[in-house]
Amino acid sequence: MTDNKSIVVLPDWIQQPVDQEVIPVKSRSQSTRYLVKTIKDLTRVMADSLRSEVYARSNGLLQKVDPRIKLGAVILCVIAVSTSRSLMCLAILWFLSLFLMGLSHLPFGKIQLRVWGFVPLITFIAGIPAMLNIINDGQPLVVLYTFTSTPQLAGWYWPESIYISKPGLIAVLLLSIRVGLCLTFGVLLALTTPLADLVRALRILRVPGVMVVIMEMTYRYIILLLVIALEIFQARKMRTVGNLSLKDRQGQVFSGAGTLFAKSMFLAEEVFQAMTARGYTGKLVRMEVVGEGCSWQNVKSVLIRSAGSDCL
């Protein structure tokens, strides 16, 4: 009886024992951590942009207001914040922003943490020298240093003690609160208005139409280039094996930047040709959902023109 089972014979070089020391190799996660970090950063930026669009199209109070009215109101609020010298007035404006965020279904806790946790804090730290009596003299609050004798520098006599004055502290607090409130109203406007509507609302400020078109298309191109960059780095990560030297990692970054630039130029040319073929004359036309204020004659005219351009 014949045995149909095949016998696998290993080569001699595999069966030989390995006497040399095994050199440890860095793990994939360690050698490609810069790719992982870049992918995470790009993903976070895209997620923030998508989240802003979702908030802007939700069923809240400010989402239903005309973008031009919101833009004008925010400009007035920023002017009121910048010119106010009363902490009570600034506190009222802050509670007003929280009230509007709540009615607009926005996560005001996360927004306040992001707004007040960075820029106003940096402004307060940068304004610490302005608290001292050397710049703003007044009632002392905290004495930092007292000289034994009156110091003199270049003919200018220093005070006997250096302390944090009450007018200086109030001035720095007002500056930090103003910065935080201006950012709060700006974020409130951005999160409750789609960017396309917000850019078009700039026309009330007499911004030229060319600038409006450039800003709107720039934003769309940034999002598109983020998607392309994310795809490039994800493909690079999937094809990276083993440990890479610093020179190789730098080469990957430079080649990725060059590829992204080349794709952006090619994409810009394709988009311009497509817009020209569809009758672009320098003015963007927005397609709205058919409703009570939309005529079916306009819709049929658009469909006929689109069919004609496709036939050509």
Protein backbone atom coordinates (compact mmCIF):
# COMPACT_ATOMS: atom_id res chain seq x y z
CA MET A 1 0.00 0.00 0.00
CA THR A 2 1.41 3.36 -1.03
CA ASP A 3 1.43 6.29 1.34
CA ASN A 4 0.05 9.38 -0.40
CA LYS A 5 1.31 11.73 2.31
CA SER A 6 4.06 14.07 1.09
CA ILE A 7 7.18 14.39 3.19
CA VAL A 8 8.56 17.94 3.69
CA VAL A 9 12.33 18.07 4.01
CA LEU A 10 13.85 21.24 5.48
CA PRO A 11 17.08 22.58 3.99
CA ASP A 12 20.31 22.02 5.90
CA TRP A 13 20.90 25.74 6.51
CA ILE A 14 17.61 25.99 8.42
CA GLN A 15 18.39 22.96 10.59
CA GLN A 16 21.79 24.29 11.63
CA PRO A 17 21.88 25.83 15.15
CA VAL A 18 22.48 29.59 15.43
CA ASP A 19 25.57 30.36 17.51
CA GLN A 20 25.73 34.14 16.99
CA GLU A 21 24.13 36.58 19.35
CA VAL A 22 20.69 37.80 18.35
CA ILE A 23 20.66 41.57 17.92
CA PRO A 24 17.44 43.11 19.25
CA VAL A 25 15.52 45.19 16.75
CA LYS A 26 13.36 48.12 17.72
CA SER A 27 9.69 47.47 17.51
CA ARG A 28 7.59 48.82 14.70
CA SER A 29 5.81 51.21 17.02
CA GLN A 30 9.09 52.76 18.14
CA SER A 31 10.59 53.13 14.68
CA THR A 32 7.44 54.65 13.16
CA ARG A 33 6.21 56.69 16.09
CA TYR A 34 6.64 59.94 14.15
CA LEU A 35 4.29 58.57 11.47
CA VAL A 36 1.74 57.56 14.11
CA LYS A 37 1.96 61.01 15.73
CA THR A 38 1.48 62.74 12.37
CA ILE A 39 -1.52 60.55 11.53
CA LYS A 40 -3.09 61.27 14.93
CA ASP A 41 -2.59 65.03 14.51
CA LEU A 42 -4.11 65.03 11.01
CA THR A 43 -7.03 62.91 12.20
CA ARG A 44 -7.68 65.26 15.12
CA VAL A 45 -7.72 68.32 12.86
CA MET A 46 -10.15 66.66 10.47
CA ALA A 47 -12.35 65.51 13.34
CA ASP A 48 -12.47 69.05 14.75
CA SER A 49 -13.46 70.42 11.35
CA LEU A 50 -16.19 67.81 10.94
CA ARG A 51 -17.44 68.40 14.47
CA SER A 52 -17.69 72.14 13.77
CA GLU A 53 -19.81 71.47 10.69
CA VAL A 54 -22.07 69.17 12.71
CA TYR A 55 -22.57 71.82 15.40
CA ALA A 56 -23.21 74.48 12.76
CA ARG A 57 -26.02 72.44 11.20
CA SER A 58 -27.73 71.35 14.42
CA ASN A 59 -31.14 72.63 15.49
CA GLY A 60 -30.10 75.37 17.92
CA LEU A 61 -30.99 79.00 18.51
CA LEU A 62 -28.05 80.70 16.81
CA GLN A 63 -28.02 78.18 13.95
CA LYS A 64 -31.38 79.60 12.81
CA VAL A 65 -30.21 83.23 12.79
CA ASP A 66 -29.03 84.84 9.57
CA PRO A 67 -25.20 84.73 9.33
CA ARG A 68 -25.00 88.46 8.55
CA ILE A 69 -26.92 89.30 11.72
CA LYS A 70 -24.68 86.99 13.78
CA LEU A 71 -21.53 88.50 12.31
CA GLY A 72 -22.69 92.03 13.07
CA ALA A 73 -23.73 91.07 16.61
CA VAL A 74 -20.39 89.38 17.31
CA ILE A 75 -18.51 92.44 16.04
CA LEU A 76 -20.56 94.64 18.39
CA CYS A 77 -19.86 92.27 21.30
CA VAL A 78 -16.13 92.31 20.58
CA ILE A 79 -16.17 96.12 20.48
CA ALA A 80 -18.08 96.20 23.79
CA VAL A 81 -15.58 93.79 25.37
CA SER A 82 -12.57 95.73 24.09
CA THR A 83 -13.82 99.10 25.36
CA SER A 84 -15.31 97.98 28.69
CA ARG A 85 -13.39 98.76 31.89
CA SER A 86 -15.89 97.17 34.27
CA LEU A 87 -15.46 93.62 35.53
CA MET A 88 -19.22 93.44 36.11
CA CYS A 89 -19.94 94.26 32.46
CA LEU A 90 -17.44 91.64 31.30
CA ALA A 91 -18.98 89.07 33.65
CA ILE A 92 -22.45 89.79 32.18
CA LEU A 93 -21.10 89.29 28.65
CA TRP A 94 -19.48 86.01 29.70
CA PHE A 95 -22.75 84.70 31.17
CA LEU A 96 -24.47 85.81 27.97
CA SER A 97 -22.05 83.70 25.90
CA LEU A 98 -22.72 80.68 28.15
CA PHE A 99 -26.47 81.20 27.82
CA LEU A 100 -26.22 81.35 24.02
CA MET A 101 -24.03 78.23 23.93
CA GLY A 102 -26.59 76.33 25.94
CA LEU A 103 -29.45 77.39 23.66
CA SER A 104 -27.37 76.45 20.62
CA HIS A 105 -26.70 72.92 21.94
CA LEU A 106 -22.94 73.45 22.18
CA PRO A 107 -20.68 71.72 24.74
CA PHE A 108 -19.84 74.93 26.59
CA GLY A 109 -17.70 73.06 29.14
CA LYS A 110 -15.21 71.82 26.55
CA ILE A 111 -15.32 75.12 24.70
CA GLN A 112 -14.57 77.13 27.84
CA LEU A 113 -11.73 74.81 28.73
CA ARG A 114 -10.15 75.17 25.30
CA VAL A 115 -10.65 78.92 25.10
CA TRP A 116 -9.63 79.94 28.61
CA GLY A 117 -6.97 77.28 29.15
CA PHE A 118 -4.40 78.58 26.69
CA VAL A 119 -4.49 82.07 25.14
CA PRO A 120 -5.87 84.06 28.13
CA LEU A 121 -3.52 82.15 30.44
CA ILE A 122 -0.52 82.97 28.25
CA THR A 123 -1.69 86.60 28.12
CA PHE A 124 -1.88 86.70 31.92
CA ILE A 125 1.62 85.23 32.29
CA ALA A 126 3.04 87.65 29.72
CA GLY A 127 1.44 90.56 31.57
CA ILE A 128 3.00 89.73 34.96
CA PRO A 129 5.68 92.48 34.62
CA ALA A 130 2.87 95.03 34.14
CA MET A 131 1.58 94.15 37.63
CA LEU A 132 4.69 95.54 39.30
CA ASN A 133 4.80 99.01 40.75
CA ILE A 134 7.69 99.83 38.40
CA ILE A 135 5.16 100.07 35.57
CA ASN A 136 1.82 100.56 37.35
CA ASP A 137 2.27 102.21 40.71
CA GLY A 138 -0.48 102.12 43.28
CA GLN A 139 -1.71 100.33 46.37
CA PRO A 140 0.63 97.41 47.21
CA LEU A 141 -0.88 93.94 47.37
CA VAL A 142 2.11 91.58 47.54
CA VAL A 143 5.61 92.88 48.37
CA LEU A 144 8.20 90.91 46.44
CA TYR A 145 11.47 92.57 47.48
CA THR A 146 12.60 95.45 49.68
CA PHE A 147 15.90 97.23 49.08
CA THR A 148 18.13 98.19 52.00
CA SER A 149 19.09 101.41 50.21
CA THR A 150 17.52 103.32 47.36
CA PRO A 151 19.00 101.85 44.14
CA GLN A 152 19.95 104.08 41.22
CA LEU A 153 20.34 103.03 37.58
CA ALA A 154 21.35 105.48 34.80
CA GLY A 155 20.16 108.44 36.83
CA TRP A 156 16.79 106.82 37.58
CA TYR A 157 15.91 106.03 41.18
CA TRP A 158 14.15 102.72 41.83
CA PRO A 159 11.42 102.50 44.47
CA GLU A 160 12.36 101.23 47.91
CA SER A 161 10.41 98.01 47.35
CA ILE A 162 9.07 96.05 44.41
CA TYR A 163 5.52 94.80 44.81
CA ILE A 164 2.42 93.84 42.85
CA SER A 165 0.14 96.84 42.75
CA LYS A 166 -3.64 96.79 42.70
CA PRO A 167 -3.98 98.87 39.47
CA GLY A 168 -1.44 96.62 37.72
CA LEU A 169 -3.26 93.44 38.73
CA ILE A 170 -6.62 94.85 37.61
CA ALA A 171 -5.14 95.94 34.26
CA VAL A 172 -3.69 92.48 33.54
CA LEU A 173 -6.91 90.75 34.62
CA LEU A 174 -8.94 93.00 32.34
CA LEU A 175 -6.61 92.27 29.44
CA SER A 176 -6.80 88.49 29.95
CA ILE A 177 -10.59 88.52 30.35
CA ARG A 178 -11.00 90.64 27.22
CA VAL A 179 -8.88 88.23 25.20
CA GLY A 180 -10.85 85.24 26.49
CA LEU A 181 -14.23 86.84 25.81
CA CYS A 182 -13.26 87.89 22.28
CA LEU A 183 -12.15 84.32 21.57
CA THR A 184 -15.37 82.99 23.10
CA PHE A 185 -17.60 85.07 20.84
CA GLY A 186 -15.45 84.19 17.82
CA VAL A 187 -15.71 80.47 18.58
CA LEU A 188 -19.44 80.85 19.17
CA LEU A 189 -19.84 82.39 15.72
CA ALA A 190 -17.67 79.75 14.03
CA LEU A 191 -19.45 76.79 15.67
CA THR A 192 -22.96 77.99 14.85
CA THR A 193 -22.39 79.06 11.24
CA PRO A 194 -21.26 76.90 8.30
CA LEU A 195 -18.06 78.27 6.89
CA ALA A 196 -19.56 78.89 3.46
CA ASP A 197 -22.30 81.07 5.00
CA LEU A 198 -19.82 82.79 7.30
CA VAL A 199 -17.51 83.70 4.44
CA ARG A 200 -20.42 85.05 2.40
CA ALA A 201 -21.55 87.11 5.39
CA LEU A 202 -18.29 89.05 5.11
CA ARG A 203 -19.86 90.91 2.22
CA ILE A 204 -21.61 93.18 4.75
CA LEU A 205 -18.12 94.43 5.67
CA ARG A 206 -17.55 95.40 2.02
CA VAL A 207 -15.05 92.60 1.51
CA PRO A 208 -14.43 92.15 -2.24
CA GLY A 209 -16.08 89.14 -3.83
CA VAL A 210 -12.73 87.84 -5.07
CA MET A 211 -11.43 87.69 -1.50
CA VAL A 212 -14.56 85.86 -0.36
CA VAL A 213 -14.15 83.23 -3.10
CA ILE A 214 -10.44 82.83 -2.31
CA MET A 215 -11.10 82.31 1.41
CA GLU A 216 -13.87 79.78 0.81
CA MET A 217 -11.88 77.75 -1.70
CA THR A 218 -8.77 77.93 0.50
CA TYR A 219 -10.65 76.32 3.36
CA ARG A 220 -11.98 73.55 1.12
CA TYR A 221 -8.50 72.95 -0.28
CA ILE A 222 -7.01 72.74 3.21
CA ILE A 223 -9.47 70.00 4.19
CA LEU A 224 -8.82 68.13 0.93
CA LEU A 225 -5.06 68.38 1.35
CA LEU A 226 -5.39 67.09 4.91
CA VAL A 227 -7.17 64.01 3.55
CA ILE A 228 -4.43 63.48 0.94
CA ALA A 229 -1.68 63.94 3.55
CA LEU A 230 -3.41 61.47 5.86
CA GLU A 231 -3.57 58.89 3.06
CA ILE A 232 0.13 59.43 2.26
CA PHE A 233 1.26 58.90 5.85
CA GLN A 234 -1.04 55.92 6.36
CA ALA A 235 0.34 54.24 3.24
CA ARG A 236 3.90 55.04 4.35
CA LYS A 237 3.26 53.54 7.79
CA MET A 238 1.82 50.33 6.31
CA ARG A 239 4.88 49.92 4.08
CA THR A 240 7.52 50.71 6.71
CA VAL A 241 9.29 47.63 8.10
CA GLY A 242 12.07 47.60 10.66
CA ASN A 243 14.00 50.45 12.20
CA LEU A 244 14.61 53.63 10.20
CA SER A 245 17.50 55.99 10.72
CA LEU A 246 17.02 59.70 11.26
CA LYS A 247 18.12 60.42 7.69
CA ASP A 248 15.55 57.99 6.29
CA ARG A 249 12.77 59.50 8.39
CA GLN A 250 13.70 63.00 7.24
CA GLY A 251 13.73 61.77 3.67
CA GLN A 252 10.22 60.36 4.10
CA VAL A 253 8.94 63.69 5.44
CA PHE A 254 10.51 65.67 2.58
CA SER A 255 9.28 63.25 -0.07
CA GLY A 256 5.79 63.34 1.43
CA ALA A 257 5.80 67.14 1.35
CA GLY A 258 6.94 67.12 -2.28
CA THR A 259 4.26 64.60 -3.25
CA LEU A 260 1.60 66.65 -1.49
CA PHE A 261 2.72 69.83 -3.28
CA ALA A 262 2.69 68.11 -6.67
CA LYS A 263 -0.79 66.68 -6.05
CA SER A 264 -2.09 70.06 -4.94
CA MET A 265 -0.85 71.72 -8.14
CA PHE A 266 -2.36 68.98 -10.30
CA LEU A 267 -5.64 69.12 -8.39
CA ALA A 268 -5.84 72.91 -8.68
CA GLU A 269 -5.46 72.69 -12.45
CA GLU A 270 -8.12 69.98 -12.71
CA VAL A 271 -10.58 71.93 -10.55
CA PHE A 272 -10.07 75.11 -12.57
CA GLN A 273 -10.62 73.28 -15.86
CA ALA A 274 -13.75 71.62 -14.49
CA MET A 275 -15.13 74.96 -13.27
CA THR A 276 -14.37 76.62 -16.61
CA ALA A 277 -16.09 73.79 -18.50
CA ARG A 278 -19.20 74.28 -16.36
CA GLY A 279 -19.50 77.99 -17.07
CA TYR A 280 -17.56 79.53 -14.18
CA THR A 281 -17.38 83.31 -14.63
CA GLY A 282 -15.80 84.36 -11.34
CA LYS A 283 -18.95 84.14 -9.21
CA LEU A 284 -19.85 81.07 -7.18
CA VAL A 285 -23.49 79.93 -7.28
CA ARG A 286 -24.77 77.99 -4.29
CA MET A 287 -27.28 75.18 -4.81
CA GLU A 288 -29.99 75.27 -2.17
CA VAL A 289 -32.54 72.57 -1.29
CA VAL A 290 -35.81 73.02 -3.18
CA GLY A 291 -38.37 74.57 -0.90
CA GLU A 292 -41.02 77.23 -0.74
CA GLY A 293 -38.71 80.02 -1.82
CA CYS A 294 -37.27 78.12 -4.79
CA SER A 295 -38.79 78.14 -8.26
CA TRP A 296 -38.95 74.94 -10.29
CA GLN A 297 -38.12 76.99 -13.38
CA ASN A 298 -34.71 77.77 -11.91
CA VAL A 299 -34.16 74.12 -11.07
CA LYS A 300 -35.05 73.01 -14.62
CA SER A 301 -32.76 75.69 -16.05
CA VAL A 302 -29.86 74.43 -13.95
CA LEU A 303 -30.52 70.81 -14.97
CA ILE A 304 -30.70 71.72 -18.68
CA ARG A 305 -27.41 73.63 -18.48
CA SER A 306 -25.74 70.77 -16.64
CA ALA A 307 -26.94 68.27 -19.27
CA GLY A 308 -25.73 70.53 -22.05
CA SER A 309 -22.26 70.90 -20.50
CA ASP A 310 -22.03 67.10 -20.07
CA CYS A 311 -22.93 66.57 -23.73
CA LEU A 312 -20.23 69.00 -24.81
